[in-house]
Amino acid sequence: MWYIYILKCKDGSLYTGITTDVSRRFNEHKNKTGGHYTRSHPVKSIVYTERVRTQSKALKREHQIKNLKREGKLKLIKN
C-alpha cells in the first residue's frame, strides 16, 4: 500500500508527499531528513492521508493534490 499525506507546518503551510509508511516519513520530516521544504518549514502534524494500491497511483494523486490551490487542499482535509 502507498499513502498520500499532507502535513501542516508550524508556519501554517501545507506539504504533500507519498510514502509506504506515514509514521516513519513524518518522523523523517520532523528530524529534518525528509525533504528540502520541511527542513526550512518544520512540521507540526499530519492532517490528511489517503491510501492507494500502487506507487503509480500515489504519484498521480500526489500531483493532483499538489496542483490544488490552498483552499482546495483545506477542503480535502476537512472532508
C-alpha atoms as a PDB file:
ATOM      1  CA  MET A   1       0.000   0.000   0.000  1.00  0.00           C
ATOM      2  CA  TRP A   2       1.019   3.563  -0.685  1.00  0.00           C
ATOM      3  CA  TYR A   3      -0.175   6.685   1.083  1.00  0.00           C
ATOM      4  CA  ILE A   4      -0.541  10.286   0.012  1.00  0.00           C
ATOM      5  CA  TYR A   5      -0.202  12.583   3.000  1.00  0.00           C
ATOM      6  CA  ILE A   6      -0.496  16.254   3.800  1.00  0.00           C
ATOM      7  CA  LEU A   7       1.456  17.760   6.665  1.00  0.00           C
ATOM      8  CA  LYS A   8       0.763  21.044   8.360  1.00  0.00           C
ATOM      9  CA  CYS A   9       3.920  23.004   9.068  1.00  0.00           C
ATOM     10  CA  LYS A  10       4.444  25.249  12.088  1.00  0.00           C
ATOM     11  CA  ASP A  11       4.140  28.326   9.857  1.00  0.00           C
ATOM     12  CA  GLY A  12       0.711  27.129   8.631  1.00  0.00           C
ATOM     13  CA  SER A  13       1.911  25.979   5.211  1.00  0.00           C
ATOM     14  CA  LEU A  14       0.972  22.559   3.832  1.00  0.00           C
ATOM     15  CA  TYR A  15       3.302  19.894   2.446  1.00  0.00           C
ATOM     16  CA  THR A  16       2.129  16.956   0.310  1.00  0.00           C
ATOM     17  CA  GLY A  17       4.053  13.730  -0.263  1.00  0.00           C
ATOM     18  CA  ILE A  18       3.800   9.962  -0.725  1.00  0.00           C
ATOM     19  CA  THR A  19       5.175   7.048   1.275  1.00  0.00           C
ATOM     20  CA  THR A  20       4.599   3.440   2.258  1.00  0.00           C
ATOM     21  CA  ASP A  21       4.854   4.321   5.980  1.00  0.00           C
ATOM     22  CA  VAL A  22       3.287   7.602   7.104  1.00  0.00           C
ATOM     23  CA  SER A  23       4.641   7.477  10.680  1.00  0.00           C
ATOM     24  CA  ARG A  24       8.206   6.848   9.549  1.00  0.00           C
ATOM     25  CA  ARG A  25       8.012   9.581   6.933  1.00  0.00           C
ATOM     26  CA  PHE A  26       6.532  12.064   9.402  1.00  0.00           C
ATOM     27  CA  ASN A  27       9.422  11.386  11.782  1.00  0.00           C
ATOM     28  CA  GLU A  28      11.893  11.908   8.940  1.00  0.00           C
ATOM     29  CA  HIS A  29      10.299  15.280   8.230  1.00  0.00           C
ATOM     30  CA  LYS A  30      10.373  16.162  11.955  1.00  0.00           C
ATOM     31  CA  ASN A  31      14.065  15.238  12.105  1.00  0.00           C
ATOM     32  CA  LYS A  32      14.754  17.368   9.007  1.00  0.00           C
ATOM     33  CA  THR A  33      15.795  14.372   6.888  1.00  0.00           C
ATOM     34  CA  GLY A  34      12.523  14.063   4.987  1.00  0.00           C
ATOM     35  CA  GLY A  35      12.680  16.720   2.341  1.00  0.00           C
ATOM     36  CA  HIS A  36      14.092  20.084   1.417  1.00  0.00           C
ATOM     37  CA  TYR A  37      10.895  22.061   2.078  1.00  0.00           C
ATOM     38  CA  THR A  38      10.348  20.670   5.570  1.00  0.00           C
ATOM     39  CA  ARG A  39      13.933  21.426   6.574  1.00  0.00           C
ATOM     40  CA  SER A  40      13.091  25.120   6.449  1.00  0.00           C
ATOM     41  CA  HIS A  41       9.400  24.720   7.386  1.00  0.00           C
ATOM     42  CA  PRO A  42       9.265  22.468  10.491  1.00  0.00           C
ATOM     43  CA  VAL A  43       6.280  20.132  10.527  1.00  0.00           C
ATOM     44  CA  LYS A  44       3.551  20.230  13.140  1.00  0.00           C
ATOM     45  CA  SER A  45       1.096  17.442  12.317  1.00  0.00           C
ATOM     46  CA  ILE A  46      -0.313  15.003   9.781  1.00  0.00           C
ATOM     47  CA  VAL A  47      -3.631  16.461   8.627  1.00  0.00           C
ATOM     48  CA  TYR A  48      -4.585  14.114   5.784  1.00  0.00           C
ATOM     49  CA  THR A  49      -3.843  10.630   4.499  1.00  0.00           C
ATOM     50  CA  GLU A  50      -5.217   8.712   1.553  1.00  0.00           C
ATOM     51  CA  ARG A  51      -4.414   5.086   0.743  1.00  0.00           C
ATOM     52  CA  VAL A  52      -3.862   3.738  -2.776  1.00  0.00           C
ATOM     53  CA  ARG A  53      -2.656   0.390  -4.082  1.00  0.00           C
ATOM     54  CA  THR A  54       0.288   1.317  -6.299  1.00  0.00           C
ATOM     55  CA  GLN A  55       3.143   3.782  -6.409  1.00  0.00           C
ATOM     56  CA  SER A  56       1.978   4.919  -9.825  1.00  0.00           C
ATOM     57  CA  LYS A  57      -1.469   5.826  -8.494  1.00  0.00           C
ATOM     58  CA  ALA A  58       0.118   7.542  -5.493  1.00  0.00           C
ATOM     59  CA  LEU A  59       2.332   9.678  -7.725  1.00  0.00           C
ATOM     60  CA  LYS A  60      -0.621  10.668  -9.914  1.00  0.00           C
ATOM     61  CA  ARG A  61      -2.781  11.554  -6.914  1.00  0.00           C
ATOM     62  CA  GLU A  62       0.074  13.480  -5.279  1.00  0.00           C
ATOM     63  CA  HIS A  63       0.417  15.501  -8.473  1.00  0.00           C
ATOM     64  CA  GLN A  64      -3.328  16.251  -8.467  1.00  0.00           C
ATOM     65  CA  ILE A  65      -3.243  17.415  -4.853  1.00  0.00           C
ATOM     66  CA  LYS A  66      -0.098  19.499  -5.313  1.00  0.00           C
ATOM     67  CA  ASN A  67      -1.829  21.311  -8.180  1.00  0.00           C
ATOM     68  CA  LEU A  68      -4.740  22.321  -5.944  1.00  0.00           C
ATOM     69  CA  LYS A  69      -4.761  25.816  -4.528  1.00  0.00           C
ATOM     70  CA  ARG A  70      -4.564  26.087  -0.746  1.00  0.00           C
ATOM     71  CA  GLU A  71      -8.363  26.356  -0.489  1.00  0.00           C
ATOM     72  CA  GLY A  72      -8.762  23.070  -2.365  1.00  0.00           C
ATOM     73  CA  LYS A  73      -6.315  21.332  -0.065  1.00  0.00           C
ATOM     74  CA  LEU A  74      -8.096  22.669   3.017  1.00  0.00           C
ATOM     75  CA  LYS A  75     -11.414  21.419   1.628  1.00  0.00           C
ATOM     76  CA  LEU A  76      -9.890  17.987   1.018  1.00  0.00           C
ATOM     77  CA  ILE A  77      -8.536  17.933   4.591  1.00  0.00           C
ATOM     78  CA  LYS A  78     -11.897  18.990   6.030  1.00  0.00           C
ATOM     79  CA  ASN A  79     -13.809  16.253   4.197  1.00  0.00           C
END
